[in-house]
Amino acid sequence: MKESGKIVSTAGEKKSVAEEKGFTAGSDHLLIRSFDFTAHSLNITLIDFVEKLPSGENESKAFAKEIEQVIVDAARILRPKAAYRIIDRASPEGDLLKPKSSNSHLNALLNTELKKTEKIAVFACTAGAEIEGLYRSYLKRGESIKAFFADLLGTIAVGKILELLYRELEKEYLNDGLHAGHAISPGDCGWPLKEQAVLFSLLPEDCCGIHLNQSMMMIPQKSQSGIIPLGKGIRREKHRCSLCSSLNCPYRK
């Protein structure tokens, strides 16, 4: 049931739609903010590929024509989606963040590094199944280089969608003095992928068209889920070393 809606302006002629929706899950009524972004709002350019490719600018120049064609083709079919649910840790709803197992990684995060957060945004976002279709269509035509860049574009798109989510969160809570910290996802920084099911239990079924397979991997593949902490003393770090247990990470400080 749609309770209210608003239009969020983006660059270009088209608009990205943000809606606040109510869902019922069991005995709980969930209030979810969902977003249907446009491909144009992601503003994917050649520069984004430079940052991802091993040889950087040299490689992107060598394949500039192919990359630009992939960007054009993807813009026609991309259907980026995102949604988040805010859980106030001081309210009874905050108990929903406590998994039944006291040994869960999420419990450990909430009781240590994230102990002083006021709110938690549980989120999911996806570039959609369409980018996987584009990847397969290139392969079918024998255009393996374009297929590679289509796959990379899907990864870039997910990062861009997450940045748009950050923008929405800051817009909504900055007046309350709350800032958004770094997103933390299952499979990242020592958080077991199996706990992905806990996150999706807090979101509506088929949220953003995403579902989990038996291995707890998201379908479509170019998707991300996780939590974003909100608090007065929180800042986003480039690398989340304080939250990560990986001792061999090249970014560890």
Protein backbone atom coordinates (compact mmCIF):
# COMPACT_ATOMS: atom_id res chain seq x y z
CA MET A 1 0.00 0.00 0.00
CA LYS A 2 1.51 3.32 -1.03
CA GLU A 3 1.17 5.88 1.74
CA SER A 4 2.89 8.87 0.21
CA GLY A 5 5.25 9.70 -2.59
CA LYS A 6 7.51 12.43 -3.86
CA ILE A 7 9.68 13.14 -6.86
CA VAL A 8 13.44 13.46 -6.39
CA SER A 9 15.14 15.57 -9.05
CA THR A 10 18.18 14.22 -10.84
CA ALA A 11 20.43 15.48 -13.60
CA GLY A 12 18.81 15.31 -17.01
CA GLU A 13 15.24 15.45 -18.16
CA LYS A 14 13.96 12.35 -16.40
CA LYS A 15 13.11 12.08 -12.72
CA SER A 16 13.90 9.39 -10.18
CA VAL A 17 10.90 8.41 -8.10
CA ALA A 18 11.11 8.01 -4.33
CA GLU A 19 8.20 6.47 -2.51
CA GLU A 20 7.42 5.72 1.10
CA LYS A 21 5.54 2.46 1.30
CA GLY A 22 3.92 0.47 4.06
CA PHE A 23 4.26 -3.30 4.06
CA THR A 24 2.98 -5.98 6.38
CA ALA A 25 5.38 -8.77 7.31
CA GLY A 26 3.77 -11.17 9.75
CA SER A 27 2.45 -9.02 12.57
CA ASP A 28 4.81 -6.14 11.80
CA HIS A 29 4.00 -3.07 9.70
CA LEU A 30 7.11 -1.92 7.89
CA LEU A 31 7.67 1.58 6.57
CA ILE A 32 10.11 1.46 3.68
CA ARG A 33 11.53 4.22 1.52
CA SER A 34 12.05 2.89 -1.97
CA PHE A 35 13.67 4.51 -4.99
CA ASP A 36 13.37 3.89 -8.71
CA PHE A 37 16.39 5.73 -10.06
CA THR A 38 17.05 6.47 -13.72
CA ALA A 39 20.15 5.28 -15.52
CA HIS A 40 20.93 8.94 -16.22
CA SER A 41 20.97 9.77 -12.52
CA LEU A 42 23.88 7.36 -11.98
CA ASN A 43 26.05 9.53 -14.26
CA ILE A 44 28.37 6.71 -15.29
CA THR A 45 31.28 7.97 -17.40
CA LEU A 46 34.61 6.80 -18.79
CA ILE A 47 36.31 8.13 -15.66
CA ASP A 48 34.51 5.54 -13.53
CA PHE A 49 36.14 2.78 -15.58
CA VAL A 50 39.58 4.38 -15.21
CA GLU A 51 39.31 3.93 -11.44
CA LYS A 52 38.38 0.24 -11.76
CA LEU A 53 40.72 -1.02 -14.48
CA PRO A 54 44.17 -2.41 -13.51
CA SER A 55 46.00 -0.22 -16.03
CA GLY A 56 43.76 2.74 -15.33
CA GLU A 57 43.78 5.52 -17.88
CA ASN A 58 45.88 3.64 -20.45
CA GLU A 59 43.47 0.72 -20.61
CA SER A 60 40.39 2.92 -20.69
CA LYS A 61 41.83 4.93 -23.61
CA ALA A 62 42.61 1.76 -25.53
CA PHE A 63 39.01 0.57 -25.20
CA ALA A 64 37.26 3.95 -25.02
CA LYS A 65 35.05 3.22 -28.02
CA GLU A 66 33.82 -0.08 -26.56
CA ILE A 67 33.27 1.41 -23.10
CA GLU A 68 31.29 4.35 -24.45
CA GLN A 69 29.08 2.00 -26.47
CA VAL A 70 28.43 -0.12 -23.38
CA ILE A 71 27.48 3.01 -21.44
CA VAL A 72 25.01 3.99 -24.18
CA ASP A 73 23.53 0.47 -24.40
CA ALA A 74 23.22 0.18 -20.62
CA ALA A 75 21.51 3.56 -20.33
CA ARG A 76 18.64 2.21 -22.44
CA ILE A 77 17.93 -0.78 -20.21
CA LEU A 78 19.18 -0.09 -16.67
CA ARG A 79 16.48 -0.06 -13.96
CA PRO A 80 18.34 0.88 -10.75
CA LYS A 81 16.38 0.33 -7.53
CA ALA A 82 17.06 0.85 -3.85
CA ALA A 83 15.20 0.76 -0.56
CA TYR A 84 15.92 1.27 3.09
CA ARG A 85 14.19 0.82 6.39
CA ILE A 86 15.18 2.95 9.39
CA ILE A 87 15.33 1.20 12.74
CA ASP A 88 15.57 3.41 15.83
CA ARG A 89 17.82 1.59 18.28
CA ALA A 90 16.22 3.28 21.29
CA SER A 91 12.73 2.09 20.37
CA PRO A 92 11.27 -1.42 20.87
CA GLU A 93 11.87 -1.90 17.14
CA GLY A 94 15.59 -1.91 17.91
CA ASP A 95 15.23 -5.46 19.21
CA LEU A 96 14.67 -6.58 15.62
CA LEU A 97 18.38 -6.01 15.01
CA LYS A 98 19.30 -8.61 17.64
CA PRO A 99 19.60 -12.00 15.94
CA LYS A 100 18.60 -15.06 17.95
CA SER A 101 22.21 -16.17 18.04
CA SER A 102 24.24 -14.08 20.47
CA ASN A 103 27.35 -15.15 18.54
CA SER A 104 26.27 -13.41 15.35
CA HIS A 105 28.61 -10.93 13.72
CA LEU A 106 25.81 -8.36 13.57
CA ASN A 107 25.40 -8.61 17.34
CA ALA A 108 29.12 -8.07 17.78
CA LEU A 109 29.07 -4.97 15.56
CA LEU A 110 26.06 -3.47 17.33
CA ASN A 111 27.62 -4.02 20.76
CA THR A 112 31.08 -2.68 19.90
CA GLU A 113 31.94 -0.38 16.99
CA LEU A 114 28.30 0.59 16.34
CA LYS A 115 27.23 0.81 19.97
CA LYS A 116 26.76 4.60 19.92
CA THR A 117 24.67 4.76 16.77
CA GLU A 118 21.18 6.19 17.15
CA LYS A 119 19.62 4.61 14.07
CA ILE A 120 20.40 1.87 11.60
CA ALA A 121 19.35 1.94 7.95
CA VAL A 122 18.80 -1.58 6.65
CA PHE A 123 19.13 -1.34 2.88
CA ALA A 124 19.11 -3.23 -0.40
CA CYS A 125 19.93 -1.92 -3.86
CA THR A 126 20.41 -3.36 -7.32
CA ALA A 127 21.43 -2.44 -10.83
CA GLY A 128 18.78 -4.94 -11.93
CA ALA A 129 18.72 -8.10 -14.01
CA GLU A 130 18.86 -6.07 -17.22
CA ILE A 131 22.62 -5.52 -17.01
CA GLU A 132 23.14 -9.28 -16.80
CA GLY A 133 21.00 -9.62 -19.91
CA LEU A 134 23.20 -7.09 -21.71
CA TYR A 135 26.31 -9.01 -20.63
CA ARG A 136 24.88 -12.27 -22.02
CA SER A 137 23.79 -10.62 -25.28
CA TYR A 138 27.35 -9.38 -25.90
CA LEU A 139 28.75 -12.85 -25.25
CA LYS A 140 26.21 -14.39 -27.59
CA ARG A 141 27.40 -12.04 -30.35
CA GLY A 142 31.03 -12.83 -29.62
CA GLU A 143 31.75 -9.35 -28.22
CA SER A 144 33.69 -10.51 -25.18
CA ILE A 145 35.36 -7.15 -24.55
CA LYS A 146 32.01 -5.39 -24.36
CA ALA A 147 30.73 -8.21 -22.13
CA PHE A 148 33.62 -7.58 -19.74
CA PHE A 149 32.84 -3.87 -19.59
CA ALA A 150 29.10 -4.54 -19.16
CA ASP A 151 29.90 -6.66 -16.12
CA LEU A 152 32.18 -3.92 -14.77
CA LEU A 153 29.50 -1.30 -15.43
CA GLY A 154 27.10 -3.31 -13.27
CA THR A 155 29.57 -3.14 -10.39
CA ILE A 156 30.07 0.59 -10.92
CA ALA A 157 26.30 1.11 -11.03
CA VAL A 158 25.78 -0.55 -7.63
CA GLY A 159 28.35 1.80 -6.09
CA LYS A 160 26.63 4.80 -7.67
CA ILE A 161 23.21 3.68 -6.41
CA LEU A 162 24.63 3.40 -2.89
CA GLU A 163 25.99 6.94 -3.17
CA LEU A 164 22.49 8.17 -4.10
CA LEU A 165 21.15 6.37 -1.03
CA TYR A 166 23.72 8.16 1.14
CA ARG A 167 22.54 11.45 -0.33
CA GLU A 168 18.94 10.64 0.58
CA LEU A 169 19.86 9.61 4.13
CA GLU A 170 21.90 12.76 4.71
CA LYS A 171 19.06 14.86 3.34
CA GLU A 172 16.58 13.18 5.67
CA TYR A 173 18.60 13.20 8.90
CA LEU A 174 21.20 16.00 8.66
CA ASN A 175 18.81 18.45 10.34
CA ASP A 176 18.71 16.07 13.31
CA GLY A 177 22.49 16.21 13.51
CA LEU A 178 22.88 12.64 12.32
CA HIS A 179 25.49 11.54 9.80
CA ALA A 180 25.69 8.33 7.81
CA GLY A 181 28.63 6.01 8.38
CA HIS A 182 30.10 3.47 5.99
CA ALA A 183 27.80 0.74 4.71
CA ILE A 184 28.60 -2.73 6.05
CA SER A 185 27.44 -5.78 4.13
CA PRO A 186 27.33 -9.54 4.74
CA GLY A 187 30.38 -11.12 3.13
CA ASP A 188 32.35 -7.97 3.94
CA CYS A 189 34.76 -7.30 6.82
CA GLY A 190 34.27 -10.71 8.44
CA TRP A 191 30.46 -10.61 8.39
CA PRO A 192 29.39 -14.14 7.29
CA LEU A 193 27.32 -14.27 4.14
CA LYS A 194 24.84 -16.64 5.83
CA GLU A 195 23.63 -13.72 7.98
CA GLN A 196 22.25 -12.10 4.84
CA ALA A 197 18.97 -13.86 5.66
CA VAL A 198 18.70 -11.79 8.87
CA LEU A 199 18.86 -8.55 6.87
CA PHE A 200 16.29 -9.64 4.33
CA SER A 201 13.91 -10.69 7.12
CA LEU A 202 13.79 -6.99 8.03
CA LEU A 203 12.79 -5.94 4.51
CA PRO A 204 9.69 -6.72 2.43
CA GLU A 205 9.69 -9.91 0.40
CA ASP A 206 11.15 -9.41 -3.09
CA CYS A 207 12.55 -6.03 -2.00
CA CYS A 208 13.83 -4.21 -5.13
CA GLY A 209 13.23 -7.44 -7.05
CA ILE A 210 16.08 -9.13 -5.13
CA HIS A 211 15.93 -12.64 -3.73
CA LEU A 212 18.46 -14.95 -2.10
CA ASN A 213 19.53 -18.32 -3.46
CA GLN A 214 20.43 -21.30 -1.27
CA SER A 215 23.98 -19.99 -0.88
CA MET A 216 22.64 -16.64 0.38
CA MET A 217 23.87 -14.92 -2.77
CA MET A 218 21.68 -12.15 -4.15
CA ILE A 219 19.86 -12.46 -7.46
CA PRO A 220 20.32 -10.24 -9.53
CA GLN A 221 24.06 -10.52 -8.92
CA LYS A 222 24.74 -6.79 -9.28
CA SER A 223 23.09 -6.02 -5.96
CA GLN A 224 24.14 -5.04 -2.47
CA SER A 225 22.52 -5.24 0.95
CA GLY A 226 23.68 -4.18 4.37
CA ILE A 227 23.34 -1.67 7.15
CA ILE A 228 24.28 2.01 7.28
CA PRO A 229 24.82 3.40 10.79
CA LEU A 230 23.44 6.84 11.62
CA GLY A 231 24.67 8.91 14.53
CA LYS A 232 25.93 12.28 15.67
CA GLY A 233 29.56 11.22 16.03
CA ILE A 234 29.73 9.10 12.90
CA ARG A 235 31.77 9.87 9.81
CA ARG A 236 32.43 7.88 6.65
CA GLU A 237 35.97 6.54 6.41
CA LYS A 238 37.62 5.64 3.13
CA HIS A 239 38.54 2.24 4.53
CA ARG A 240 36.70 0.58 7.42
CA CYS A 241 39.71 -0.91 9.22
CA SER A 242 38.07 -0.52 12.65
CA LEU A 243 35.18 -2.74 11.56
CA CYS A 244 37.20 -5.32 9.64
CA SER A 245 38.85 -8.47 11.01
CA SER A 246 40.84 -9.23 7.85
CA LEU A 247 44.51 -8.99 8.82
CA ASN A 248 45.82 -9.52 5.28
CA CYS A 249 43.84 -6.70 3.64
CA PRO A 250 46.15 -4.43 1.57
CA TYR A 251 44.22 -1.36 2.78
CA ARG A 252 44.67 -2.12 6.51
CA LYS A 253 46.29 0.68 8.46
